[in-house]
PDB file of N, CA and C in Angstrom:
ATOM      1  N   MET A   1     -60.184 -42.890  -8.093  1.00  0.00           N
ATOM      2  CA  MET A   1     -60.252 -41.486  -8.340  1.00  0.00           C
ATOM      3  C   MET A   1     -59.270 -40.730  -7.452  1.00  0.00           C
ATOM      4  N   ARG A   2     -59.232 -41.189  -6.229  1.00  0.00           N
ATOM      5  CA  ARG A   2     -58.321 -40.540  -5.327  1.00  0.00           C
ATOM      6  C   ARG A   2     -56.889 -40.714  -5.780  1.00  0.00           C
ATOM      7  N   LYS A   3     -56.562 -41.871  -6.257  1.00  0.00           N
ATOM      8  CA  LYS A   3     -55.224 -42.142  -6.715  1.00  0.00           C
ATOM      9  C   LYS A   3     -54.869 -41.254  -7.888  1.00  0.00           C
ATOM     10  N   SER A   4     -55.759 -41.083  -8.815  1.00  0.00           N
ATOM     11  CA  SER A   4     -55.485 -40.239  -9.972  1.00  0.00           C
ATOM     12  C   SER A   4     -55.356 -38.778  -9.556  1.00  0.00           C
ATOM     13  N   LEU A   5     -56.134 -38.364  -8.574  1.00  0.00           N
ATOM     14  CA  LEU A   5     -56.050 -36.993  -8.089  1.00  0.00           C
ATOM     15  C   LEU A   5     -54.704 -36.765  -7.403  1.00  0.00           C
ATOM     16  N   LEU A   6     -54.243 -37.759  -6.669  1.00  0.00           N
ATOM     17  CA  LEU A   6     -52.949 -37.646  -6.030  1.00  0.00           C
ATOM     18  C   LEU A   6     -51.837 -37.588  -7.063  1.00  0.00           C
ATOM     19  N   ILE A   7     -51.953 -38.377  -8.094  1.00  0.00           N
ATOM     20  CA  ILE A   7     -50.925 -38.375  -9.142  1.00  0.00           C
ATOM     21  C   ILE A   7     -50.922 -37.034  -9.846  1.00  0.00           C
ATOM     22  N   LYS A   8     -52.102 -36.489 -10.121  1.00  0.00           N
ATOM     23  CA  LYS A   8     -52.174 -35.185 -10.795  1.00  0.00           C
ATOM     24  C   LYS A   8     -51.597 -34.089  -9.896  1.00  0.00           C
ATOM     25  N   ASN A   9     -51.927 -34.137  -8.613  1.00  0.00           N
ATOM     26  CA  ASN A   9     -51.394 -33.151  -7.685  1.00  0.00           C
ATOM     27  C   ASN A   9     -49.880 -33.280  -7.584  1.00  0.00           C
ATOM     28  N   TYR A  10     -49.409 -34.508  -7.537  1.00  0.00           N
ATOM     29  CA  TYR A  10     -47.966 -34.740  -7.453  1.00  0.00           C
ATOM     30  C   TYR A  10     -47.273 -34.227  -8.708  1.00  0.00           C
ATOM     31  N   GLU A  11     -47.897 -34.505  -9.882  1.00  0.00           N
ATOM     32  CA  GLU A  11     -47.319 -34.036 -11.140  1.00  0.00           C
ATOM     33  C   GLU A  11     -47.335 -32.506 -11.196  1.00  0.00           C
ATOM     34  N   SER A  12     -48.441 -31.902 -10.786  1.00  0.00           N
ATOM     35  CA  SER A  12     -48.506 -30.438 -10.799  1.00  0.00           C
ATOM     36  C   SER A  12     -47.521 -29.861  -9.777  1.00  0.00           C
ATOM     37  N   PHE A  13     -47.330 -30.579  -8.641  1.00  0.00           N
ATOM     38  CA  PHE A  13     -46.369 -30.143  -7.649  1.00  0.00           C
ATOM     39  C   PHE A  13     -44.954 -30.213  -8.218  1.00  0.00           C
ATOM     40  N   ASN A  14     -44.644 -31.299  -8.942  1.00  0.00           N
ATOM     41  CA  ASN A  14     -43.337 -31.433  -9.576  1.00  0.00           C
ATOM     42  C   ASN A  14     -43.125 -30.350 -10.625  1.00  0.00           C
ATOM     43  N   VAL A  15     -44.166 -30.050 -11.396  1.00  0.00           N
ATOM     44  CA  VAL A  15     -44.075 -29.005 -12.415  1.00  0.00           C
ATOM     45  C   VAL A  15     -43.841 -27.660 -11.738  1.00  0.00           C
ATOM     46  N   ASN A  16     -44.597 -27.364 -10.681  1.00  0.00           N
ATOM     47  CA  ASN A  16     -44.428 -26.106  -9.958  1.00  0.00           C
ATOM     48  C   ASN A  16     -43.043 -26.040  -9.311  1.00  0.00           C
ATOM     49  N   LYS A  17     -42.597 -27.184  -8.795  1.00  0.00           N
ATOM     50  CA  LYS A  17     -41.286 -27.246  -8.176  1.00  0.00           C
ATOM     51  C   LYS A  17     -40.197 -26.969  -9.196  1.00  0.00           C
ATOM     52  N   SER A  18     -40.312 -27.495 -10.396  1.00  0.00           N
ATOM     53  CA  SER A  18     -39.313 -27.253 -11.432  1.00  0.00           C
ATOM     54  C   SER A  18     -39.360 -25.801 -11.899  1.00  0.00           C
ATOM     55  N   LYS A  19     -40.568 -25.220 -11.948  1.00  0.00           N
ATOM     56  CA  LYS A  19     -40.683 -23.812 -12.326  1.00  0.00           C
ATOM     57  C   LYS A  19     -40.032 -22.925 -11.269  1.00  0.00           C
ATOM     58  N   VAL A  20     -40.243 -23.242 -10.013  1.00  0.00           N
ATOM     59  CA  VAL A  20     -39.642 -22.479  -8.921  1.00  0.00           C
ATOM     60  C   VAL A  20     -38.133 -22.610  -8.983  1.00  0.00           C
ATOM     61  N   LYS A  21     -37.651 -23.832  -9.251  1.00  0.00           N
ATOM     62  CA  LYS A  21     -36.216 -24.060  -9.331  1.00  0.00           C
ATOM     63  C   LYS A  21     -35.625 -23.273 -10.490  1.00  0.00           C
ATOM     64  N   LYS A  22     -36.314 -23.238 -11.644  1.00  0.00           N
ATOM     65  CA  LYS A  22     -35.836 -22.474 -12.797  1.00  0.00           C
ATOM     66  C   LYS A  22     -35.808 -20.984 -12.471  1.00  0.00           C
ATOM     67  N   SER A  23     -36.846 -20.494 -11.802  1.00  0.00           N
ATOM     68  CA  SER A  23     -36.871 -19.069 -11.464  1.00  0.00           C
ATOM     69  C   SER A  23     -35.787 -18.756 -10.438  1.00  0.00           C
ATOM     70  N   GLN A  24     -35.509 -19.693  -9.524  1.00  0.00           N
ATOM     71  CA  GLN A  24     -34.421 -19.493  -8.567  1.00  0.00           C
ATOM     72  C   GLN A  24     -33.078 -19.483  -9.284  1.00  0.00           C
ATOM     73  N   ASP A  25     -32.913 -20.395 -10.269  1.00  0.00           N
ATOM     74  CA  ASP A  25     -31.683 -20.442 -11.037  1.00  0.00           C
ATOM     75  C   ASP A  25     -31.490 -19.138 -11.816  1.00  0.00           C
ATOM     76  N   ILE A  26     -32.567 -18.642 -12.409  1.00  0.00           N
ATOM     77  CA  ILE A  26     -32.492 -17.383 -13.161  1.00  0.00           C
ATOM     78  C   ILE A  26     -32.165 -16.240 -12.196  1.00  0.00           C
ATOM     79  N   GLY A  27     -32.805 -16.226 -11.018  1.00  0.00           N
ATOM     80  CA  GLY A  27     -32.537 -15.196 -10.012  1.00  0.00           C
ATOM     81  C   GLY A  27     -31.097 -15.242  -9.535  1.00  0.00           C
ATOM     82  N   GLN A  28     -30.582 -16.445  -9.311  1.00  0.00           N
ATOM     83  CA  GLN A  28     -29.190 -16.591  -8.900  1.00  0.00           C
ATOM     84  C   GLN A  28     -28.248 -16.136 -10.011  1.00  0.00           C
ATOM     85  N   PHE A  29     -28.611 -16.436 -11.262  1.00  0.00           N
ATOM     86  CA  PHE A  29     -27.786 -16.025 -12.401  1.00  0.00           C
ATOM     87  C   PHE A  29     -27.702 -14.509 -12.476  1.00  0.00           C
ATOM     88  N   PHE A  30     -28.874 -13.830 -12.382  1.00  0.00           N
ATOM     89  CA  PHE A  30     -28.864 -12.363 -12.430  1.00  0.00           C
ATOM     90  C   PHE A  30     -28.189 -11.769 -11.193  1.00  0.00           C
ATOM     91  N   SER A  31     -28.342 -12.416 -10.061  1.00  0.00           N
ATOM     92  CA  SER A  31     -27.677 -11.959  -8.843  1.00  0.00           C
ATOM     93  C   SER A  31     -26.164 -12.075  -8.983  1.00  0.00           C
ATOM     94  N   LEU A  32     -25.720 -13.169  -9.570  1.00  0.00           N
ATOM     95  CA  LEU A  32     -24.297 -13.366  -9.810  1.00  0.00           C
ATOM     96  C   LEU A  32     -23.770 -12.342 -10.819  1.00  0.00           C
ATOM     97  N   LYS A  33     -24.559 -12.093 -11.879  1.00  0.00           N
ATOM     98  CA  LYS A  33     -24.171 -11.079 -12.865  1.00  0.00           C
ATOM     99  C   LYS A  33     -24.061  -9.704 -12.217  1.00  0.00           C
ATOM    100  N   LEU A  34     -25.032  -9.392 -11.373  1.00  0.00           N
ATOM    101  CA  LEU A  34     -25.024  -8.101 -10.694  1.00  0.00           C
ATOM    102  C   LEU A  34     -23.816  -7.988  -9.772  1.00  0.00           C
ATOM    103  N   ALA A  35     -23.481  -9.058  -9.077  1.00  0.00           N
ATOM    104  CA  ALA A  35     -22.321  -9.051  -8.189  1.00  0.00           C
ATOM    105  C   ALA A  35     -21.037  -8.823  -8.981  1.00  0.00           C
ATOM    106  N   PHE A  36     -20.906  -9.508 -10.130  1.00  0.00           N
ATOM    107  CA  PHE A  36     -19.720  -9.304 -10.966  1.00  0.00           C
ATOM    108  C   PHE A  36     -19.671  -7.891 -11.525  1.00  0.00           C
ATOM    109  N   PHE A  37     -20.823  -7.344 -11.908  1.00  0.00           N
ATOM    110  CA  PHE A  37     -20.856  -5.978 -12.433  1.00  0.00           C
ATOM    111  C   PHE A  37     -20.428  -4.985 -11.353  1.00  0.00           C
ATOM    112  N   VAL A  38     -20.952  -5.158 -10.135  1.00  0.00           N
ATOM    113  CA  VAL A  38     -20.589  -4.257  -9.036  1.00  0.00           C
ATOM    114  C   VAL A  38     -19.103  -4.390  -8.727  1.00  0.00           C
ATOM    115  N   LEU A  39     -18.588  -5.620  -8.713  1.00  0.00           N
ATOM    116  CA  LEU A  39     -17.169  -5.845  -8.468  1.00  0.00           C
ATOM    117  C   LEU A  39     -16.321  -5.186  -9.550  1.00  0.00           C
ATOM    118  N   PHE A  40     -16.717  -5.370 -10.808  1.00  0.00           N
ATOM    119  CA  PHE A  40     -15.999  -4.748 -11.928  1.00  0.00           C
ATOM    120  C   PHE A  40     -16.044  -3.236 -11.815  1.00  0.00           C
ATOM    121  N   LEU A  41     -17.186  -2.694 -11.454  1.00  0.00           N
ATOM    122  CA  LEU A  41     -17.337  -1.245 -11.304  1.00  0.00           C
ATOM    123  C   LEU A  41     -16.443  -0.722 -10.179  1.00  0.00           C
ATOM    124  N   MET A  42     -16.394  -1.438  -9.071  1.00  0.00           N
ATOM    125  CA  MET A  42     -15.555  -1.015  -7.949  1.00  0.00           C
ATOM    126  C   MET A  42     -14.073  -1.069  -8.317  1.00  0.00           C
ATOM    127  N   VAL A  43     -13.661  -2.113  -9.033  1.00  0.00           N
ATOM    128  CA  VAL A  43     -12.265  -2.214  -9.460  1.00  0.00           C
ATOM    129  C   VAL A  43     -11.938  -1.081 -10.428  1.00  0.00           C
ATOM    130  N   GLY A  44     -12.850  -0.776 -11.334  1.00  0.00           N
ATOM    131  CA  GLY A  44     -12.636   0.310 -12.292  1.00  0.00           C
ATOM    132  C   GLY A  44     -12.501   1.659 -11.605  1.00  0.00           C
ATOM    133  N   VAL A  45     -13.398   1.936 -10.680  1.00  0.00           N
ATOM    134  CA  VAL A  45     -13.355   3.217  -9.964  1.00  0.00           C
ATOM    135  C   VAL A  45     -12.078   3.299  -9.125  1.00  0.00           C
ATOM    136  N   SER A  46     -11.718   2.201  -8.472  1.00  0.00           N
ATOM    137  CA  SER A  46     -10.487   2.196  -7.679  1.00  0.00           C
ATOM    138  C   SER A  46      -9.263   2.421  -8.556  1.00  0.00           C
ATOM    139  N   SER A  47      -9.250   1.818  -9.731  1.00  0.00           N
ATOM    140  CA  SER A  47      -8.120   2.002 -10.656  1.00  0.00           C
ATOM    141  C   SER A  47      -8.022   3.448 -11.108  1.00  0.00           C
ATOM    142  N   LEU A  48      -9.155   4.040 -11.439  1.00  0.00           N
ATOM    143  CA  LEU A  48      -9.139   5.449 -11.861  1.00  0.00           C
ATOM    144  C   LEU A  48      -8.682   6.353 -10.719  1.00  0.00           C
ATOM    145  N   ALA A  49      -9.123   6.082  -9.505  1.00  0.00           N
ATOM    146  CA  ALA A  49      -8.699   6.892  -8.365  1.00  0.00           C
ATOM    147  C   ALA A  49      -7.196   6.737  -8.131  1.00  0.00           C
ATOM    148  N   TYR A  50      -6.693   5.530  -8.274  1.00  0.00           N
ATOM    149  CA  TYR A  50      -5.255   5.279  -8.113  1.00  0.00           C
ATOM    150  C   TYR A  50      -4.451   6.037  -9.163  1.00  0.00           C
ATOM    151  N   LEU A  51      -4.886   5.972 -10.426  1.00  0.00           N
ATOM    152  CA  LEU A  51      -4.185   6.685 -11.498  1.00  0.00           C
ATOM    153  C   LEU A  51      -4.215   8.191 -11.262  1.00  0.00           C
ATOM    154  N   PHE A  52      -5.356   8.701 -10.818  1.00  0.00           N
ATOM    155  CA  PHE A  52      -5.473  10.131 -10.539  1.00  0.00           C
ATOM    156  C   PHE A  52      -4.502  10.532  -9.429  1.00  0.00           C
ATOM    157  N   GLN A  53      -4.425   9.715  -8.381  1.00  0.00           N
ATOM    158  CA  GLN A  53      -3.540  10.027  -7.263  1.00  0.00           C
ATOM    159  C   GLN A  53      -2.077   9.971  -7.686  1.00  0.00           C
ATOM    160  N   ILE A  54      -1.696   8.974  -8.478  1.00  0.00           N
ATOM    161  CA  ILE A  54      -0.312   8.863  -8.949  1.00  0.00           C
ATOM    162  C   ILE A  54       0.033  10.064  -9.821  1.00  0.00           C
ATOM    163  N   ASN A  55      -0.879  10.463 -10.693  1.00  0.00           N
ATOM    164  CA  ASN A  55      -0.649  11.623 -11.552  1.00  0.00           C
ATOM    165  C   ASN A  55      -0.488  12.885 -10.713  1.00  0.00           C
ATOM    166  N   GLN A  56      -1.319  13.029  -9.700  1.00  0.00           N
ATOM    167  CA  GLN A  56      -1.243  14.204  -8.837  1.00  0.00           C
ATOM    168  C   GLN A  56       0.084  14.233  -8.078  1.00  0.00           C
ATOM    169  N   LEU A  57       0.535  13.077  -7.598  1.00  0.00           N
ATOM    170  CA  LEU A  57       1.817  13.015  -6.884  1.00  0.00           C
ATOM    171  C   LEU A  57       2.983  13.356  -7.813  1.00  0.00           C
ATOM    172  N   ALA A  58       2.925  12.883  -9.054  1.00  0.00           N
ATOM    173  CA  ALA A  58       3.996  13.189 -10.001  1.00  0.00           C
ATOM    174  C   ALA A  58       4.032  14.688 -10.295  1.00  0.00           C
ATOM    175  N   THR A  59       2.875  15.283 -10.464  1.00  0.00           N
ATOM    176  CA  THR A  59       2.803  16.726 -10.721  1.00  0.00           C
ATOM    177  C   THR A  59       3.342  17.516  -9.531  1.00  0.00           C
ATOM    178  N   MET A  60       2.981  17.088  -8.325  1.00  0.00           N
ATOM    179  CA  MET A  60       3.475  17.777  -7.136  1.00  0.00           C
ATOM    180  C   MET A  60       4.988  17.619  -7.012  1.00  0.00           C
ATOM    181  N   GLY A  61       5.513  16.469  -7.392  1.00  0.00           N
ATOM    182  CA  GLY A  61       6.963  16.260  -7.358  1.00  0.00           C
ATOM    183  C   GLY A  61       7.678  17.213  -8.299  1.00  0.00           C
ATOM    184  N   GLN A  62       7.111  17.410  -9.495  1.00  0.00           N
ATOM    185  CA  GLN A  62       7.713  18.348 -10.442  1.00  0.00           C
ATOM    186  C   GLN A  62       7.660  19.769  -9.896  1.00  0.00           C
ATOM    187  N   GLU A  63       6.535  20.137  -9.286  1.00  0.00           N
ATOM    188  CA  GLU A  63       6.416  21.484  -8.715  1.00  0.00           C
ATOM    189  C   GLU A  63       7.422  21.686  -7.579  1.00  0.00           C
ATOM    190  N   ILE A  64       7.630  20.652  -6.785  1.00  0.00           N
ATOM    191  CA  ILE A  64       8.609  20.748  -5.690  1.00  0.00           C
ATOM    192  C   ILE A  64      10.006  20.930  -6.255  1.00  0.00           C
ATOM    193  N   ASN A  65      10.347  20.185  -7.316  1.00  0.00           N
ATOM    194  CA  ASN A  65      11.672  20.333  -7.935  1.00  0.00           C
ATOM    195  C   ASN A  65      11.870  21.745  -8.475  1.00  0.00           C
ATOM    196  N   ILE A  66      10.863  22.286  -9.124  1.00  0.00           N
ATOM    197  CA  ILE A  66      10.954  23.648  -9.663  1.00  0.00           C
ATOM    198  C   ILE A  66      11.129  24.654  -8.517  1.00  0.00           C
ATOM    199  N   ALA A  67      10.361  24.466  -7.422  1.00  0.00           N
ATOM    200  CA  ALA A  67      10.468  25.379  -6.281  1.00  0.00           C
ATOM    201  C   ALA A  67      11.853  25.286  -5.630  1.00  0.00           C
ATOM    202  N   GLU A  68      12.409  24.070  -5.537  1.00  0.00           N
ATOM    203  CA  GLU A  68      13.750  23.913  -4.953  1.00  0.00           C
ATOM    204  C   GLU A  68      14.812  24.574  -5.825  1.00  0.00           C
ATOM    205  N   GLU A  69      14.682  24.449  -7.146  1.00  0.00           N
ATOM    206  CA  GLU A  69      15.631  25.115  -8.049  1.00  0.00           C
ATOM    207  C   GLU A  69      15.541  26.626  -7.892  1.00  0.00           C
ATOM    208  N   MET A  70      14.315  27.137  -7.795  1.00  0.00           N
ATOM    209  CA  MET A  70      14.125  28.579  -7.624  1.00  0.00           C
ATOM    210  C   MET A  70      14.711  29.030  -6.292  1.00  0.00           C
ATOM    211  N   LEU A  71      14.543  28.214  -5.249  1.00  0.00           N
ATOM    212  CA  LEU A  71      15.101  28.538  -3.942  1.00  0.00           C
ATOM    213  C   LEU A  71      16.623  28.616  -4.003  1.00  0.00           C
ATOM    214  N   GLU A  72      17.257  27.686  -4.693  1.00  0.00           N
ATOM    215  CA  GLU A  72      18.719  27.710  -4.834  1.00  0.00           C
ATOM    216  C   GLU A  72      19.175  28.959  -5.582  1.00  0.00           C
ATOM    217  N   GLU A  73      18.463  29.307  -6.652  1.00  0.00           N
ATOM    218  CA  GLU A  73      18.807  30.526  -7.404  1.00  0.00           C
ATOM    219  C   GLU A  73      18.687  31.758  -6.513  1.00  0.00           C
ATOM    220  N   LEU A  74      17.608  31.822  -5.726  1.00  0.00           N
ATOM    221  CA  LEU A  74      17.413  32.973  -4.851  1.00  0.00           C
ATOM    222  C   LEU A  74      18.465  33.031  -3.749  1.00  0.00           C
ATOM    223  N   LYS A  75      18.895  31.872  -3.249  1.00  0.00           N
ATOM    224  CA  LYS A  75      19.965  31.862  -2.247  1.00  0.00           C
ATOM    225  C   LYS A  75      21.261  32.388  -2.843  1.00  0.00           C
ATOM    226  N   GLU A  76      21.583  31.970  -4.072  1.00  0.00           N
ATOM    227  CA  GLU A  76      22.793  32.470  -4.730  1.00  0.00           C
ATOM    228  C   GLU A  76      22.694  33.968  -4.975  1.00  0.00           C
ATOM    229  N   GLN A  77      21.532  34.420  -5.423  1.00  0.00           N
ATOM    230  CA  GLN A  77      21.335  35.848  -5.667  1.00  0.00           C
ATOM    231  C   GLN A  77      21.438  36.619  -4.350  1.00  0.00           C
ATOM    232  N   ASN A  78      20.919  36.063  -3.264  1.00  0.00           N
ATOM    233  CA  ASN A  78      21.000  36.712  -1.954  1.00  0.00           C
ATOM    234  C   ASN A  78      22.450  36.841  -1.497  1.00  0.00           C
ATOM    235  N   LYS A  79      23.253  35.774  -1.689  1.00  0.00           N
ATOM    236  CA  LYS A  79      24.675  35.844  -1.335  1.00  0.00           C
ATOM    237  C   LYS A  79      25.378  36.934  -2.135  1.00  0.00           C
ATOM    238  N   PHE A  80      25.090  37.005  -3.433  1.00  0.00           N
ATOM    239  CA  PHE A  80      25.698  38.030  -4.286  1.00  0.00           C
ATOM    240  C   PHE A  80      25.321  39.425  -3.793  1.00  0.00           C
ATOM    241  N   LEU A  81      24.043  39.616  -3.447  1.00  0.00           N
ATOM    242  CA  LEU A  81      23.603  40.933  -2.979  1.00  0.00           C
ATOM    243  C   LEU A  81      24.203  41.278  -1.621  1.00  0.00           C
ATOM    244  N   GLU A  82      24.373  40.296  -0.741  1.00  0.00           N
ATOM    245  CA  GLU A  82      25.008  40.565   0.549  1.00  0.00           C
ATOM    246  C   GLU A  82      26.461  40.990   0.364  1.00  0.00           C
ATOM    247  N   ILE A  83      27.157  40.353  -0.565  1.00  0.00           N
ATOM    248  CA  ILE A  83      28.544  40.744  -0.868  1.00  0.00           C
ATOM    249  C   ILE A  83      28.573  42.157  -1.422  1.00  0.00           C
ATOM    250  N   GLN A  84      27.628  42.453  -2.293  1.00  0.00           N
ATOM    251  CA  GLN A  84      27.568  43.788  -2.898  1.00  0.00           C
ATOM    252  C   GLN A  84      27.282  44.849  -1.828  1.00  0.00           C
ATOM    253  N   VAL A  85      26.386  44.555  -0.891  1.00  0.00           N
ATOM    254  CA  VAL A  85      26.082  45.498   0.191  1.00  0.00           C
ATOM    255  C   VAL A  85      27.324  45.722   1.042  1.00  0.00           C
ATOM    256  N   ALA A  86      28.043  44.658   1.369  1.00  0.00           N
ATOM    257  CA  ALA A  86      29.264  44.786   2.181  1.00  0.00           C
ATOM    258  C   ALA A  86      30.304  45.630   1.457  1.00  0.00           C
ATOM    259  N   GLN A  87      30.433  45.441   0.153  1.00  0.00           N
ATOM    260  CA  GLN A  87      31.395  46.234  -0.617  1.00  0.00           C
ATOM    261  C   GLN A  87      30.998  47.702  -0.629  1.00  0.00           C
ATOM    262  N   LEU A  88      29.700  47.977  -0.796  1.00  0.00           N
ATOM    263  CA  LEU A  88      29.249  49.372  -0.855  1.00  0.00           C
ATOM    264  C   LEU A  88      29.344  50.065   0.507  1.00  0.00           C
ATOM    265  N   LYS A  89      29.285  49.306   1.592  1.00  0.00           N
ATOM    266  CA  LYS A  89      29.397  49.888   2.927  1.00  0.00           C
ATOM    267  C   LYS A  89      30.852  50.089   3.355  1.00  0.00           C
ATOM    268  N   SER A  90      31.776  49.540   2.631  1.00  0.00           N
ATOM    269  CA  SER A  90      33.182  49.605   3.053  1.00  0.00           C
ATOM    270  C   SER A  90      33.729  51.027   2.922  1.00  0.00           C
ATOM    271  N   SER A  91      34.704  51.338   3.770  1.00  0.00           N
ATOM    272  CA  SER A  91      35.328  52.663   3.730  1.00  0.00           C
ATOM    273  C   SER A  91      36.116  52.832   2.428  1.00  0.00           C
ATOM    274  N   TYR A  92      36.633  51.736   1.901  1.00  0.00           N
ATOM    275  CA  TYR A  92      37.352  51.790   0.631  1.00  0.00           C
ATOM    276  C   TYR A  92      36.433  52.335  -0.469  1.00  0.00           C
ATOM    277  N   HIS A  93      35.202  51.878  -0.490  1.00  0.00           N
ATOM    278  CA  HIS A  93      34.238  52.352  -1.501  1.00  0.00           C
ATOM    279  C   HIS A  93      33.947  53.842  -1.290  1.00  0.00           C
ATOM    280  N   PHE A  94      33.787  54.266  -0.037  1.00  0.00           N
ATOM    281  CA  PHE A  94      33.520  55.678   0.233  1.00  0.00           C
ATOM    282  C   PHE A  94      34.679  56.559  -0.217  1.00  0.00           C
ATOM    283  N   GLU A  95      35.905  56.127   0.029  1.00  0.00           N
ATOM    284  CA  GLU A  95      37.074  56.903  -0.398  1.00  0.00           C
ATOM    285  C   GLU A  95      37.117  57.014  -1.915  1.00  0.00           C
ATOM    286  N   ASN A  96      36.849  55.917  -2.609  1.00  0.00           N
ATOM    287  CA  ASN A  96      36.840  55.953  -4.079  1.00  0.00           C
ATOM    288  C   ASN A  96      35.759  56.883  -4.609  1.00  0.00           C
ATOM    289  N   GLU A  97      34.582  56.859  -4.001  1.00  0.00           N
ATOM    290  CA  GLU A  97      33.491  57.730  -4.433  1.00  0.00           C
ATOM    291  C   GLU A  97      33.806  59.193  -4.116  1.00  0.00           C
ATOM    292  N   ARG A  98      34.442  59.435  -2.980  1.00  0.00           N
ATOM    293  CA  ARG A  98      34.816  60.814  -2.637  1.00  0.00           C
ATOM    294  C   ARG A  98      35.787  61.358  -3.665  1.00  0.00           C
ATOM    295  N   GLU A  99      36.768  60.566  -4.057  1.00  0.00           N
ATOM    296  CA  GLU A  99      37.738  61.008  -5.059  1.00  0.00           C
ATOM    297  C   GLU A  99      37.078  61.176  -6.427  1.00  0.00           C
ATOM    298  N   ARG A 100      36.196  60.262  -6.768  1.00  0.00           N
ATOM    299  CA  ARG A 100      35.528  60.331  -8.073  1.00  0.00           C
ATOM    300  C   ARG A 100      34.649  61.574  -8.169  1.00  0.00           C
ATOM    301  N   LEU A 101      34.021  61.974  -7.087  1.00  0.00           N
ATOM    302  CA  LEU A 101      33.140  63.146  -7.080  1.00  0.00           C
ATOM    303  C   LEU A 101      33.872  64.438  -6.735  1.00  0.00           C
ATOM    304  N   ASN A 102      35.198  64.372  -6.546  1.00  0.00           N
ATOM    305  CA  ASN A 102      36.028  65.526  -6.201  1.00  0.00           C
ATOM    306  C   ASN A 102      35.543  66.222  -4.932  1.00  0.00           C
ATOM    307  N   LEU A 103      35.246  65.449  -3.915  1.00  0.00           N
ATOM    308  CA  LEU A 103      34.862  66.007  -2.621  1.00  0.00           C
ATOM    309  C   LEU A 103      36.104  66.134  -1.761  1.00  0.00           C
ATOM    310  N   VAL A 104      36.105  67.156  -0.899  1.00  0.00           N
ATOM    311  CA  VAL A 104      37.256  67.366  -0.026  1.00  0.00           C
ATOM    312  C   VAL A 104      37.098  66.534   1.233  1.00  0.00           C
ATOM    313  N   ASN A 105      38.235  66.166   1.766  1.00  0.00           N
ATOM    314  CA  ASN A 105      38.249  65.418   3.008  1.00  0.00           C
ATOM    315  C   ASN A 105      38.081  66.418   4.143  1.00  0.00           C
ATOM    316  N   PRO A 106      37.116  66.235   5.015  1.00  0.00           N
ATOM    317  CA  PRO A 106      36.913  67.221   6.083  1.00  0.00           C
ATOM    318  C   PRO A 106      38.064  67.202   7.070  1.00  0.00           C
ATOM    319  N   GLU A 107      38.482  68.423   7.500  1.00  0.00           N
ATOM    320  CA  GLU A 107      39.575  68.549   8.454  1.00  0.00           C
ATOM    321  C   GLU A 107      39.069  68.315   9.873  1.00  0.00           C
ATOM    322  N   GLN A 108      37.968  68.960  10.155  1.00  0.00           N
ATOM    323  CA  GLN A 108      37.445  68.851  11.496  1.00  0.00           C
ATOM    324  C   GLN A 108      35.954  68.545  11.399  1.00  0.00           C
ATOM    325  N   VAL A 109      35.513  67.594  12.186  1.00  0.00           N
ATOM    326  CA  VAL A 109      34.104  67.205  12.188  1.00  0.00           C
ATOM    327  C   VAL A 109      33.509  67.679  13.504  1.00  0.00           C
ATOM    328  N   SER A 110      32.394  68.362  13.385  1.00  0.00           N
ATOM    329  CA  SER A 110      31.697  68.786  14.601  1.00  0.00           C
ATOM    330  C   SER A 110      30.235  68.374  14.484  1.00  0.00           C
ATOM    331  N   PHE A 111      29.704  68.023  15.604  1.00  0.00           N
ATOM    332  CA  PHE A 111      28.322  67.567  15.654  1.00  0.00           C
ATOM    333  C   PHE A 111      27.486  68.574  16.404  1.00  0.00           C
ATOM    334  N   VAL A 112      26.266  68.743  15.978  1.00  0.00           N
ATOM    335  CA  VAL A 112      25.327  69.622  16.651  1.00  0.00           C
ATOM    336  C   VAL A 112      24.293  68.731  17.318  1.00  0.00           C
ATOM    337  N   GLU A 113      24.137  68.914  18.598  1.00  0.00           N
ATOM    338  CA  GLU A 113      23.171  68.107  19.321  1.00  0.00           C
ATOM    339  C   GLU A 113      21.862  68.855  19.394  1.00  0.00           C
ATOM    340  N   ILE A 114      20.816  68.216  18.976  1.00  0.00           N
ATOM    341  CA  ILE A 114      19.486  68.835  18.988  1.00  0.00           C
ATOM    342  C   ILE A 114      18.606  68.021  19.914  1.00  0.00           C
ATOM    343  N   LYS A 115      18.034  68.710  20.856  1.00  0.00           N
ATOM    344  CA  LYS A 115      17.099  68.055  21.756  1.00  0.00           C
ATOM    345  C   LYS A 115      15.708  68.244  21.192  1.00  0.00           C
ATOM    346  N   LYS A 116      14.979  67.177  21.209  1.00  0.00           N
ATOM    347  CA  LYS A 116      13.612  67.261  20.694  1.00  0.00           C
ATOM    348  C   LYS A 116      12.701  67.785  21.790  1.00  0.00           C
ATOM    349  N   ASP A 117      12.155  68.975  21.547  1.00  0.00           N
ATOM    350  CA  ASP A 117      11.190  69.585  22.458  1.00  0.00           C
ATOM    351  C   ASP A 117       9.887  69.762  21.719  1.00  0.00           C
ATOM    352  N   ASP A 118       8.846  69.878  22.487  1.00  0.00           N
ATOM    353  CA  ASP A 118       7.555  70.137  21.877  1.00  0.00           C
ATOM    354  C   ASP A 118       7.489  71.560  21.344  1.00  0.00           C
ATOM    355  N   SER A 119       8.334  72.460  21.857  1.00  0.00           N
ATOM    356  CA  SER A 119       8.275  73.862  21.474  1.00  0.00           C
ATOM    357  C   SER A 119       9.018  74.134  20.173  1.00  0.00           C
ATOM    358  N   MET A 120       9.770  73.162  19.668  1.00  0.00           N
ATOM    359  CA  MET A 120      10.547  73.398  18.479  1.00  0.00           C
ATOM    360  C   MET A 120       9.669  73.167  17.233  1.00  0.00           C
ATOM    361  N   ALA A 121       9.772  74.090  16.276  1.00  0.00           N
ATOM    362  CA  ALA A 121       8.996  73.981  15.056  1.00  0.00           C
ATOM    363  C   ALA A 121       9.838  73.289  13.994  1.00  0.00           C
ATOM    364  N   MET A 122       9.152  72.573  13.116  1.00  0.00           N
ATOM    365  CA  MET A 122       9.885  71.866  12.043  1.00  0.00           C
ATOM    366  C   MET A 122       9.501  72.493  10.714  1.00  0.00           C
ATOM    367  N   ALA A 123      10.500  72.595   9.868  1.00  0.00           N
ATOM    368  CA  ALA A 123      10.267  73.157   8.542  1.00  0.00           C
ATOM    369  C   ALA A 123       9.808  72.055   7.612  1.00  0.00           C
ATOM    370  N   LYS A 124       8.951  72.413   6.723  1.00  0.00           N
ATOM    371  CA  LYS A 124       8.461  71.426   5.751  1.00  0.00           C
ATOM    372  C   LYS A 124       9.269  71.433   4.497  1.00  0.00           C
TER     373      LYS A 124
END
């Protein structure tokens, strides 16, 4: 009787052992699947972040090119305006404008010196 009980216990132990092994195999399988899913998800998110960053850099590069072109245009316009200011300030321009407006050339120039006092009233 004891021998048969030992055989039954051994058989039930083997059956339980195989069930545990199967459940461990299933657990390892799902664990492996989960690991691959997480890895795939991380690669996907990293790829999307990389594409977003590359797109953002390309857009910023285009904006920089546009800003540099605008800067060059403004520098050229500034040079043109500086030349125009120098021409308008020249005595040659004043003489031409005086003749065009039929103004007389002053013979004698006199200056009036005004001292600023608190007692002096100003006209509005």
